[in-house]
Amino acid sequence: MPAPAYWSPEMTGAPGSVLSSDLCVIEGEHFFVRGVIEIPVIDTAETFTRGVRVSSSRDDFVRMGQLRETPGRESEPPYFGWLSSELPVYEPTTLNLKASLHTQPVGIRPIIELEPTGHHLAVEQRSGITHARVREPAEPILHPGHRK
């Protein structure tokens, strides 16, 4: 389960800190939600998804928790957050890109929509990527130490 970039293994079991597959709290002060960035694949009906973490205000985090099992929660307005996952295939860093978290029906992770900036990830989310580009994020996993 990918943790936010601000999490470190020493935080496991620390008071006020928890990391789960969906949520993360650091020192009872910093809140993160797991969601997905959807990127259309050009000339197909396919979508490439990346699991990421987004920061959340305490109030929004509590509100999302209250609605966790509530049907119709997808009608909530989007929540603001900062992308808190560093995706290594992007330069400059993806940390702290402005994002909106769109709640989905119960059982489905939120959709993360990046603010439309010139950052390569935000451009790809708006414009789409090729099939060749879809394979690029897997390269560091399939071939460690190999950099283009």
C-alpha atoms as a PDB file:
ATOM      1  CA  MET A   1       0.000   0.000   0.000  1.00  0.00           C
ATOM      2  CA  PRO A   2       1.625   3.260  -1.060  1.00  0.00           C
ATOM      3  CA  ALA A   3       2.049   5.720   1.788  1.00  0.00           C
ATOM      4  CA  PRO A   4       2.163   9.493   1.424  1.00  0.00           C
ATOM      5  CA  ALA A   5       5.671  10.814   0.816  1.00  0.00           C
ATOM      6  CA  TYR A   6       5.654  12.281   4.331  1.00  0.00           C
ATOM      7  CA  TRP A   7       5.230   8.910   6.064  1.00  0.00           C
ATOM      8  CA  SER A   8       8.241   7.047   7.416  1.00  0.00           C
ATOM      9  CA  PRO A   9       8.361   3.499   8.819  1.00  0.00           C
ATOM     10  CA  GLU A  10       9.331   4.870  12.264  1.00  0.00           C
ATOM     11  CA  MET A  11       5.823   6.361  12.521  1.00  0.00           C
ATOM     12  CA  THR A  12       4.220   2.909  12.648  1.00  0.00           C
ATOM     13  CA  GLY A  13       2.609   2.541  16.065  1.00  0.00           C
ATOM     14  CA  ALA A  14       3.472   6.106  17.118  1.00  0.00           C
ATOM     15  CA  PRO A  15       0.721   7.928  19.034  1.00  0.00           C
ATOM     16  CA  GLY A  16      -1.630   9.739  16.661  1.00  0.00           C
ATOM     17  CA  SER A  17      -0.142   8.086  13.568  1.00  0.00           C
ATOM     18  CA  VAL A  18      -1.807   5.401  11.472  1.00  0.00           C
ATOM     19  CA  LEU A  19      -1.447   4.123   7.928  1.00  0.00           C
ATOM     20  CA  SER A  20      -4.148   1.996   6.300  1.00  0.00           C
ATOM     21  CA  SER A  21      -4.944   1.116   2.712  1.00  0.00           C
ATOM     22  CA  ASP A  22      -7.324   4.099   2.472  1.00  0.00           C
ATOM     23  CA  LEU A  23      -6.324   6.637   5.127  1.00  0.00           C
ATOM     24  CA  CYS A  24      -3.261   8.037   6.842  1.00  0.00           C
ATOM     25  CA  VAL A  25      -2.828  10.282   9.867  1.00  0.00           C
ATOM     26  CA  ILE A  26       0.552  11.593  10.975  1.00  0.00           C
ATOM     27  CA  GLU A  27       0.925  12.751  14.563  1.00  0.00           C
ATOM     28  CA  GLY A  28      -2.815  13.519  14.733  1.00  0.00           C
ATOM     29  CA  GLU A  29      -2.151  16.656  12.678  1.00  0.00           C
ATOM     30  CA  HIS A  30      -1.702  15.659   9.030  1.00  0.00           C
ATOM     31  CA  PHE A  31      -4.410  13.777   7.156  1.00  0.00           C
ATOM     32  CA  PHE A  32      -4.251  11.910   3.858  1.00  0.00           C
ATOM     33  CA  VAL A  33      -6.727   9.998   1.719  1.00  0.00           C
ATOM     34  CA  ARG A  34      -5.940   7.455  -0.969  1.00  0.00           C
ATOM     35  CA  GLY A  35      -7.516   7.982  -4.362  1.00  0.00           C
ATOM     36  CA  VAL A  36      -6.785   7.437  -8.023  1.00  0.00           C
ATOM     37  CA  ILE A  37      -5.671   9.694 -10.816  1.00  0.00           C
ATOM     38  CA  GLU A  38      -7.310   8.660 -14.071  1.00  0.00           C
ATOM     39  CA  ILE A  39      -5.456   9.375 -17.304  1.00  0.00           C
ATOM     40  CA  PRO A  40      -7.196   8.673 -20.632  1.00  0.00           C
ATOM     41  CA  VAL A  41      -5.305   6.507 -23.108  1.00  0.00           C
ATOM     42  CA  ILE A  42      -5.339   8.272 -26.477  1.00  0.00           C
ATOM     43  CA  ASP A  43      -7.496   6.739 -29.241  1.00  0.00           C
ATOM     44  CA  THR A  44      -9.060   4.159 -26.912  1.00  0.00           C
ATOM     45  CA  ALA A  45     -11.829   3.972 -24.353  1.00  0.00           C
ATOM     46  CA  GLU A  46      -9.227   2.861 -21.780  1.00  0.00           C
ATOM     47  CA  THR A  47      -8.098   4.788 -18.740  1.00  0.00           C
ATOM     48  CA  PHE A  48      -4.759   4.399 -16.959  1.00  0.00           C
ATOM     49  CA  THR A  49      -5.062   4.798 -13.192  1.00  0.00           C
ATOM     50  CA  ARG A  50      -2.430   5.601 -10.579  1.00  0.00           C
ATOM     51  CA  GLY A  51      -3.061   5.173  -6.859  1.00  0.00           C
ATOM     52  CA  VAL A  52      -1.994   8.286  -4.964  1.00  0.00           C
ATOM     53  CA  ARG A  53      -2.413  10.038  -1.622  1.00  0.00           C
ATOM     54  CA  VAL A  54      -3.831  13.521  -1.225  1.00  0.00           C
ATOM     55  CA  SER A  55      -3.659  15.695   1.876  1.00  0.00           C
ATOM     56  CA  SER A  56      -6.881  16.702   3.563  1.00  0.00           C
ATOM     57  CA  SER A  57      -7.945  19.251   6.126  1.00  0.00           C
ATOM     58  CA  ARG A  58      -9.053  17.833   9.472  1.00  0.00           C
ATOM     59  CA  ASP A  59     -12.665  18.916   8.830  1.00  0.00           C
ATOM     60  CA  ASP A  60     -12.804  17.326   5.378  1.00  0.00           C
ATOM     61  CA  PHE A  61     -11.148  14.153   6.691  1.00  0.00           C
ATOM     62  CA  VAL A  62     -13.785  13.884   9.437  1.00  0.00           C
ATOM     63  CA  ARG A  63     -16.578  14.562   6.933  1.00  0.00           C
ATOM     64  CA  MET A  64     -15.294  11.851   4.571  1.00  0.00           C
ATOM     65  CA  GLY A  65     -15.151   9.456   7.514  1.00  0.00           C
ATOM     66  CA  GLN A  66     -18.745  10.247   8.462  1.00  0.00           C
ATOM     67  CA  LEU A  67     -19.875   9.503   4.899  1.00  0.00           C
ATOM     68  CA  ARG A  68     -17.695   6.414   4.407  1.00  0.00           C
ATOM     69  CA  GLU A  69     -20.662   4.001   4.199  1.00  0.00           C
ATOM     70  CA  THR A  70     -23.345   6.502   3.132  1.00  0.00           C
ATOM     71  CA  PRO A  71     -25.085   5.860  -0.196  1.00  0.00           C
ATOM     72  CA  GLY A  72     -25.169   8.984  -2.325  1.00  0.00           C
ATOM     73  CA  ARG A  73     -21.910  10.333  -0.893  1.00  0.00           C
ATOM     74  CA  GLU A  74     -20.716  10.929  -4.457  1.00  0.00           C
ATOM     75  CA  SER A  75     -22.964  14.001  -4.557  1.00  0.00           C
ATOM     76  CA  GLU A  76     -20.605  15.753  -2.099  1.00  0.00           C
ATOM     77  CA  PRO A  77     -18.745  18.716  -3.576  1.00  0.00           C
ATOM     78  CA  PRO A  78     -15.044  18.018  -4.251  1.00  0.00           C
ATOM     79  CA  TYR A  79     -12.568  18.363  -1.398  1.00  0.00           C
ATOM     80  CA  PHE A  80      -9.327  20.331  -1.823  1.00  0.00           C
ATOM     81  CA  GLY A  81      -5.972  18.701  -1.198  1.00  0.00           C
ATOM     82  CA  TRP A  82      -2.316  18.618  -2.167  1.00  0.00           C
ATOM     83  CA  LEU A  83      -0.936  15.620  -4.035  1.00  0.00           C
ATOM     84  CA  SER A  84       1.209  13.838  -1.455  1.00  0.00           C
ATOM     85  CA  SER A  85       2.649  11.050  -3.603  1.00  0.00           C
ATOM     86  CA  GLU A  86       5.884  11.372  -5.490  1.00  0.00           C
ATOM     87  CA  LEU A  87       5.585   9.635  -8.841  1.00  0.00           C
ATOM     88  CA  PRO A  88       9.177   8.980  -9.962  1.00  0.00           C
ATOM     89  CA  VAL A  89       8.566   9.151 -13.715  1.00  0.00           C
ATOM     90  CA  TYR A  90       7.740  12.867 -13.509  1.00  0.00           C
ATOM     91  CA  GLU A  91      10.088  15.835 -13.270  1.00  0.00           C
ATOM     92  CA  PRO A  92       9.684  18.170 -11.526  1.00  0.00           C
ATOM     93  CA  THR A  93       8.231  16.395  -8.510  1.00  0.00           C
ATOM     94  CA  THR A  94       4.525  15.659  -8.273  1.00  0.00           C
ATOM     95  CA  LEU A  95       4.484  16.576  -4.576  1.00  0.00           C
ATOM     96  CA  ASN A  96       2.158  19.405  -3.631  1.00  0.00           C
ATOM     97  CA  LEU A  97       0.292  19.732  -6.893  1.00  0.00           C
ATOM     98  CA  LYS A  98      -3.147  21.237  -6.186  1.00  0.00           C
ATOM     99  CA  ALA A  99      -5.893  18.649  -6.439  1.00  0.00           C
ATOM    100  CA  SER A 100      -9.601  18.076  -5.995  1.00  0.00           C
ATOM    101  CA  LEU A 101     -10.799  14.834  -4.445  1.00  0.00           C
ATOM    102  CA  HIS A 102     -14.116  13.648  -5.917  1.00  0.00           C
ATOM    103  CA  THR A 103     -15.932  11.169  -3.676  1.00  0.00           C
ATOM    104  CA  GLN A 104     -17.280   8.098  -5.469  1.00  0.00           C
ATOM    105  CA  PRO A 105     -20.041   5.623  -4.548  1.00  0.00           C
ATOM    106  CA  VAL A 106     -19.473   3.470  -1.456  1.00  0.00           C
ATOM    107  CA  GLY A 107     -16.676   0.976  -2.024  1.00  0.00           C
ATOM    108  CA  ILE A 108     -14.936   2.970  -4.764  1.00  0.00           C
ATOM    109  CA  ARG A 109     -11.857   5.102  -4.136  1.00  0.00           C
ATOM    110  CA  PRO A 110     -12.077   8.849  -4.790  1.00  0.00           C
ATOM    111  CA  ILE A 111     -11.024  10.274  -8.133  1.00  0.00           C
ATOM    112  CA  ILE A 112      -8.211  12.824  -7.896  1.00  0.00           C
ATOM    113  CA  GLU A 113      -8.364  15.691 -10.374  1.00  0.00           C
ATOM    114  CA  LEU A 114      -5.269  17.863 -10.631  1.00  0.00           C
ATOM    115  CA  GLU A 115      -5.506  21.601 -11.075  1.00  0.00           C
ATOM    116  CA  PRO A 116      -5.003  22.309 -14.794  1.00  0.00           C
ATOM    117  CA  THR A 117      -1.403  23.530 -14.736  1.00  0.00           C
ATOM    118  CA  GLY A 118       1.545  22.998 -17.058  1.00  0.00           C
ATOM    119  CA  HIS A 119       2.947  20.156 -14.920  1.00  0.00           C
ATOM    120  CA  HIS A 120       3.420  17.087 -17.117  1.00  0.00           C
ATOM    121  CA  LEU A 121       1.118  14.905 -14.972  1.00  0.00           C
ATOM    122  CA  ALA A 122      -1.669  17.503 -15.042  1.00  0.00           C
ATOM    123  CA  VAL A 123      -1.281  17.866 -18.823  1.00  0.00           C
ATOM    124  CA  GLU A 124      -1.475  14.086 -19.265  1.00  0.00           C
ATOM    125  CA  GLN A 125      -4.599  13.918 -17.120  1.00  0.00           C
ATOM    126  CA  ARG A 126      -6.275  16.490 -19.375  1.00  0.00           C
ATOM    127  CA  SER A 127      -4.876  15.383 -22.744  1.00  0.00           C
ATOM    128  CA  GLY A 128      -4.262  11.653 -22.391  1.00  0.00           C
ATOM    129  CA  ILE A 129      -1.259   9.402 -22.969  1.00  0.00           C
ATOM    130  CA  THR A 130      -0.202   6.820 -25.542  1.00  0.00           C
ATOM    131  CA  HIS A 131      -0.047   3.059 -24.943  1.00  0.00           C
ATOM    132  CA  ALA A 132       3.762   3.346 -24.923  1.00  0.00           C
ATOM    133  CA  ARG A 133       3.576   5.925 -22.135  1.00  0.00           C
ATOM    134  CA  VAL A 134       1.345   3.601 -20.078  1.00  0.00           C
ATOM    135  CA  ARG A 135       4.216   1.091 -19.935  1.00  0.00           C
ATOM    136  CA  GLU A 136       6.805   3.660 -18.749  1.00  0.00           C
ATOM    137  CA  PRO A 137       5.763   3.746 -15.056  1.00  0.00           C
ATOM    138  CA  ALA A 138       6.356  -0.031 -14.862  1.00  0.00           C
ATOM    139  CA  GLU A 139       9.937   0.174 -16.189  1.00  0.00           C
ATOM    140  CA  PRO A 140      11.597   1.004 -12.829  1.00  0.00           C
ATOM    141  CA  ILE A 141       9.797  -1.969 -11.252  1.00  0.00           C
ATOM    142  CA  LEU A 142      10.525  -4.390 -14.077  1.00  0.00           C
ATOM    143  CA  HIS A 143      14.106  -3.232 -14.597  1.00  0.00           C
ATOM    144  CA  PRO A 144      15.552  -1.712 -11.383  1.00  0.00           C
ATOM    145  CA  GLY A 145      18.453   0.624 -11.976  1.00  0.00           C
ATOM    146  CA  HIS A 146      17.405   1.262 -15.589  1.00  0.00           C
ATOM    147  CA  ARG A 147      16.758   4.968 -16.280  1.00  0.00           C
ATOM    148  CA  LYS A 148      15.948   6.565 -19.592  1.00  0.00           C
END
